[in-house]
């Protein structure tokens, strides 16, 4: 017997073994299980009574409306249109108003932005790329406000 025949014999045995294991695992006993009842004494008064009817669920309790006790004042800050000064080819946008943080984006000069606020010499801006809006900080000297 050569090596090829031996390998083929082993492969056949493995295949047959896997088929038999699959068949053994897939065998399910579907015979119905008969109910077994214990002995009962006829006419002794121990027969089961019919179950009591289930009452309908009660209506949920009424909830009194809540009246606000304090008023909250929301102040909206108007957005100021702006743009990155066209005098600069590129401007770094940072996550905080500091040069100590690495830039999160680089915007081209002339890019339109919204000015959200100021802190010292820094300006917080929002810009869009595609449909997604981004926010960051730019040195104030690189942002020009645009009058609508």
C-alpha atoms as a PDB file:
ATOM      1  CA  UNK A   1       0.000   0.000   0.000  1.00  0.00           C
ATOM      2  CA  UNK A   2       1.553   3.341  -1.002  1.00  0.00           C
ATOM      3  CA  UNK A   3       1.260   6.732   0.736  1.00  0.00           C
ATOM      4  CA  UNK A   4      -1.515   7.961  -1.555  1.00  0.00           C
ATOM      5  CA  UNK A   5      -3.713   4.959  -0.806  1.00  0.00           C
ATOM      6  CA  UNK A   6      -3.051   5.324   2.929  1.00  0.00           C
ATOM      7  CA  UNK A   7      -3.979   9.013   2.863  1.00  0.00           C
ATOM      8  CA  UNK A   8      -7.155   8.245   0.920  1.00  0.00           C
ATOM      9  CA  UNK A   9      -8.092   5.522   3.431  1.00  0.00           C
ATOM     10  CA  UNK A  10      -7.607   7.912   6.349  1.00  0.00           C
ATOM     11  CA  UNK A  11      -9.647  10.602   4.588  1.00  0.00           C
ATOM     12  CA  UNK A  12     -12.498   8.112   3.964  1.00  0.00           C
ATOM     13  CA  UNK A  13     -12.471   7.027   7.596  1.00  0.00           C
ATOM     14  CA  UNK A  14     -12.551  10.638   8.787  1.00  0.00           C
ATOM     15  CA  UNK A  15     -15.413  11.420   6.432  1.00  0.00           C
ATOM     16  CA  UNK A  16     -17.443   8.404   7.571  1.00  0.00           C
ATOM     17  CA  UNK A  17     -16.759   9.227  11.209  1.00  0.00           C
ATOM     18  CA  UNK A  18     -17.930  12.815  10.727  1.00  0.00           C
ATOM     19  CA  UNK A  19     -21.096  11.598   8.956  1.00  0.00           C
ATOM     20  CA  UNK A  20     -21.928   9.170  11.733  1.00  0.00           C
ATOM     21  CA  UNK A  21     -21.332  11.812  14.421  1.00  0.00           C
ATOM     22  CA  UNK A  22     -23.504  14.279  12.532  1.00  0.00           C
ATOM     23  CA  UNK A  23     -26.275  11.707  12.185  1.00  0.00           C
ATOM     24  CA  UNK A  24     -26.027  10.787  15.869  1.00  0.00           C
ATOM     25  CA  UNK A  25     -26.241  14.418  16.949  1.00  0.00           C
ATOM     26  CA  UNK A  26     -29.149  15.136  14.630  1.00  0.00           C
ATOM     27  CA  UNK A  27     -31.263  12.184  15.818  1.00  0.00           C
ATOM     28  CA  UNK A  28     -34.169  13.473  17.868  1.00  0.00           C
ATOM     29  CA  UNK A  29     -36.764  11.391  19.616  1.00  0.00           C
ATOM     30  CA  UNK A  30     -40.095  12.812  18.500  1.00  0.00           C
ATOM     31  CA  UNK A  31     -42.263  10.226  20.239  1.00  0.00           C
ATOM     32  CA  UNK A  32     -45.011  11.929  22.251  1.00  0.00           C
ATOM     33  CA  UNK A  33     -44.655  11.882  25.993  1.00  0.00           C
ATOM     34  CA  UNK A  34     -47.727  10.561  27.724  1.00  0.00           C
ATOM     35  CA  UNK A  35     -48.970  12.331  30.779  1.00  0.00           C
ATOM     36  CA  UNK A  36     -48.815  10.252  33.859  1.00  0.00           C
ATOM     37  CA  UNK A  37     -51.258  10.856  36.647  1.00  0.00           C
ATOM     38  CA  UNK A  38     -50.997   9.561  40.157  1.00  0.00           C
ATOM     39  CA  UNK A  39     -53.716   7.480  41.751  1.00  0.00           C
ATOM     40  CA  UNK A  40     -56.937   9.293  42.503  1.00  0.00           C
ATOM     41  CA  UNK A  41     -59.643   8.297  44.883  1.00  0.00           C
ATOM     42  CA  UNK A  42     -63.005   8.566  43.114  1.00  0.00           C
ATOM     43  CA  UNK A  43     -65.733  10.660  44.662  1.00  0.00           C
ATOM     44  CA  UNK A  44     -63.797  11.648  47.805  1.00  0.00           C
ATOM     45  CA  UNK A  45     -64.211  15.368  47.484  1.00  0.00           C
ATOM     46  CA  UNK A  46     -60.569  15.937  46.544  1.00  0.00           C
ATOM     47  CA  UNK A  47     -61.282  16.698  42.926  1.00  0.00           C
ATOM     48  CA  UNK A  48     -59.681  19.838  41.611  1.00  0.00           C
ATOM     49  CA  UNK A  49     -61.888  22.895  41.454  1.00  0.00           C
ATOM     50  CA  UNK A  50     -62.030  24.897  38.237  1.00  0.00           C
ATOM     51  CA  UNK A  51     -59.617  27.812  38.288  1.00  0.00           C
ATOM     52  CA  UNK A  52     -60.992  31.147  39.430  1.00  0.00           C
ATOM     53  CA  UNK A  53     -61.464  33.730  36.681  1.00  0.00           C
ATOM     54  CA  UNK A  54     -58.634  36.207  36.336  1.00  0.00           C
ATOM     55  CA  UNK A  55     -59.784  39.771  37.040  1.00  0.00           C
ATOM     56  CA  UNK A  56     -59.287  42.356  34.330  1.00  0.00           C
ATOM     57  CA  UNK A  57     -56.295  44.630  34.899  1.00  0.00           C
ATOM     58  CA  UNK A  58     -57.148  47.796  36.761  1.00  0.00           C
ATOM     59  CA  UNK A  59     -56.854  51.107  35.010  1.00  0.00           C
ATOM     60  CA  UNK A  60     -53.575  52.893  35.728  1.00  0.00           C
ATOM     61  CA  UNK A  61     -53.835  55.603  38.358  1.00  0.00           C
ATOM     62  CA  UNK A  62     -54.359  59.099  37.074  1.00  0.00           C
ATOM     63  CA  UNK A  63     -51.246  61.231  37.091  1.00  0.00           C
ATOM     64  CA  UNK A  64     -51.601  64.832  38.072  1.00  0.00           C
ATOM     65  CA  UNK A  65     -49.931  67.272  35.690  1.00  0.00           C
ATOM     66  CA  UNK A  66     -46.657  68.677  36.955  1.00  0.00           C
ATOM     67  CA  UNK A  67     -46.434  72.427  37.101  1.00  0.00           C
ATOM     68  CA  UNK A  68     -42.958  73.913  36.788  1.00  0.00           C
ATOM     69  CA  UNK A  69     -41.672  75.418  40.000  1.00  0.00           C
ATOM     70  CA  UNK A  70     -38.825  77.435  38.501  1.00  0.00           C
ATOM     71  CA  UNK A  71     -38.385  78.983  35.107  1.00  0.00           C
ATOM     72  CA  UNK A  72     -35.272  78.410  33.054  1.00  0.00           C
ATOM     73  CA  UNK A  73     -33.967  81.097  30.764  1.00  0.00           C
ATOM     74  CA  UNK A  74     -32.110  79.913  27.701  1.00  0.00           C
ATOM     75  CA  UNK A  75     -29.863  82.450  26.075  1.00  0.00           C
ATOM     76  CA  UNK A  76     -28.980  81.862  22.466  1.00  0.00           C
ATOM     77  CA  UNK A  77     -25.718  83.253  21.213  1.00  0.00           C
ATOM     78  CA  UNK A  78     -25.958  84.503  17.658  1.00  0.00           C
ATOM     79  CA  UNK A  79     -23.512  82.883  15.282  1.00  0.00           C
ATOM     80  CA  UNK A  80     -21.225  85.259  13.470  1.00  0.00           C
ATOM     81  CA  UNK A  81     -20.259  84.369   9.923  1.00  0.00           C
ATOM     82  CA  UNK A  82     -16.562  84.524   9.222  1.00  0.00           C
ATOM     83  CA  UNK A  83     -13.864  83.154   7.004  1.00  0.00           C
ATOM     84  CA  UNK A  84     -10.242  82.207   7.272  1.00  0.00           C
ATOM     85  CA  UNK A  85      -8.235  85.153   6.033  1.00  0.00           C
ATOM     86  CA  UNK A  86      -7.260  84.655   2.413  1.00  0.00           C
ATOM     87  CA  UNK A  87      -3.836  86.157   3.203  1.00  0.00           C
ATOM     88  CA  UNK A  88      -2.885  82.767   4.695  1.00  0.00           C
ATOM     89  CA  UNK A  89      -2.591  79.689   2.516  1.00  0.00           C
ATOM     90  CA  UNK A  90      -3.290  77.307   5.433  1.00  0.00           C
ATOM     91  CA  UNK A  91      -4.293  77.761   9.081  1.00  0.00           C
ATOM     92  CA  UNK A  92      -4.013  75.210  11.908  1.00  0.00           C
ATOM     93  CA  UNK A  93      -7.181  74.469  13.897  1.00  0.00           C
ATOM     94  CA  UNK A  94      -6.568  73.254  17.438  1.00  0.00           C
ATOM     95  CA  UNK A  95      -8.774  71.459  20.016  1.00  0.00           C
ATOM     96  CA  UNK A  96      -8.063  74.108  22.687  1.00  0.00           C
ATOM     97  CA  UNK A  97      -7.033  77.766  22.558  1.00  0.00           C
ATOM     98  CA  UNK A  98      -3.338  76.960  22.903  1.00  0.00           C
ATOM     99  CA  UNK A  99      -0.379  76.229  20.668  1.00  0.00           C
ATOM    100  CA  UNK A 100       0.509  73.485  23.150  1.00  0.00           C
ATOM    101  CA  UNK A 101      -2.022  71.127  21.516  1.00  0.00           C
ATOM    102  CA  UNK A 102      -1.516  69.488  18.129  1.00  0.00           C
ATOM    103  CA  UNK A 103      -3.756  70.710  15.283  1.00  0.00           C
ATOM    104  CA  UNK A 104      -6.922  68.704  14.636  1.00  0.00           C
ATOM    105  CA  UNK A 105      -7.368  70.138  11.150  1.00  0.00           C
ATOM    106  CA  UNK A 106      -5.805  72.479   8.625  1.00  0.00           C
ATOM    107  CA  UNK A 107      -8.116  74.889   6.787  1.00  0.00           C
ATOM    108  CA  UNK A 108      -7.354  76.722   3.569  1.00  0.00           C
ATOM    109  CA  UNK A 109      -7.383  80.506   3.411  1.00  0.00           C
ATOM    110  CA  UNK A 110     -10.790  81.822   2.274  1.00  0.00           C
ATOM    111  CA  UNK A 111     -12.736  78.945   3.916  1.00  0.00           C
ATOM    112  CA  UNK A 112     -16.070  80.164   5.340  1.00  0.00           C
ATOM    113  CA  UNK A 113     -16.635  79.393   9.036  1.00  0.00           C
ATOM    114  CA  UNK A 114     -18.951  80.341  11.895  1.00  0.00           C
ATOM    115  CA  UNK A 115     -17.466  82.216  14.842  1.00  0.00           C
ATOM    116  CA  UNK A 116     -18.776  80.657  18.064  1.00  0.00           C
ATOM    117  CA  UNK A 117     -16.848  82.605  20.668  1.00  0.00           C
ATOM    118  CA  UNK A 118     -13.593  84.190  21.771  1.00  0.00           C
ATOM    119  CA  UNK A 119     -11.059  83.558  24.492  1.00  0.00           C
ATOM    120  CA  UNK A 120      -8.181  85.996  24.656  1.00  0.00           C
ATOM    121  CA  UNK A 121      -6.620  86.141  21.202  1.00  0.00           C
ATOM    122  CA  UNK A 122      -8.226  82.863  20.132  1.00  0.00           C
ATOM    123  CA  UNK A 123     -11.480  82.370  18.216  1.00  0.00           C
ATOM    124  CA  UNK A 124     -13.663  79.265  18.411  1.00  0.00           C
ATOM    125  CA  UNK A 125     -14.997  78.333  14.976  1.00  0.00           C
ATOM    126  CA  UNK A 126     -17.278  75.765  13.353  1.00  0.00           C
ATOM    127  CA  UNK A 127     -16.864  74.613   9.783  1.00  0.00           C
ATOM    128  CA  UNK A 128     -18.344  71.867   7.660  1.00  0.00           C
ATOM    129  CA  UNK A 129     -16.640  69.196   5.652  1.00  0.00           C
ATOM    130  CA  UNK A 130     -19.208  67.340   3.607  1.00  0.00           C
ATOM    131  CA  UNK A 131     -22.293  67.011   5.818  1.00  0.00           C
ATOM    132  CA  UNK A 132     -20.340  66.867   9.088  1.00  0.00           C
ATOM    133  CA  UNK A 133     -19.705  69.942  11.236  1.00  0.00           C
ATOM    134  CA  UNK A 134     -16.415  70.356  13.124  1.00  0.00           C
ATOM    135  CA  UNK A 135     -15.321  72.799  15.835  1.00  0.00           C
ATOM    136  CA  UNK A 136     -11.944  74.058  16.933  1.00  0.00           C
ATOM    137  CA  UNK A 137      -9.806  77.053  17.876  1.00  0.00           C
ATOM    138  CA  UNK A 138      -7.838  79.371  15.593  1.00  0.00           C
ATOM    139  CA  UNK A 139      -5.657  82.355  16.405  1.00  0.00           C
ATOM    140  CA  UNK A 140      -7.901  85.413  16.061  1.00  0.00           C
ATOM    141  CA  UNK A 141      -5.600  87.141  13.559  1.00  0.00           C
ATOM    142  CA  UNK A 142      -6.451  84.424  11.006  1.00  0.00           C
ATOM    143  CA  UNK A 143     -10.248  84.908  11.078  1.00  0.00           C
ATOM    144  CA  UNK A 144     -12.088  87.745   9.338  1.00  0.00           C
ATOM    145  CA  UNK A 145     -15.729  88.411  10.258  1.00  0.00           C
ATOM    146  CA  UNK A 146     -18.121  88.662   7.357  1.00  0.00           C
ATOM    147  CA  UNK A 147     -21.103  91.021   7.453  1.00  0.00           C
ATOM    148  CA  UNK A 148     -24.204  89.279   6.090  1.00  0.00           C
END
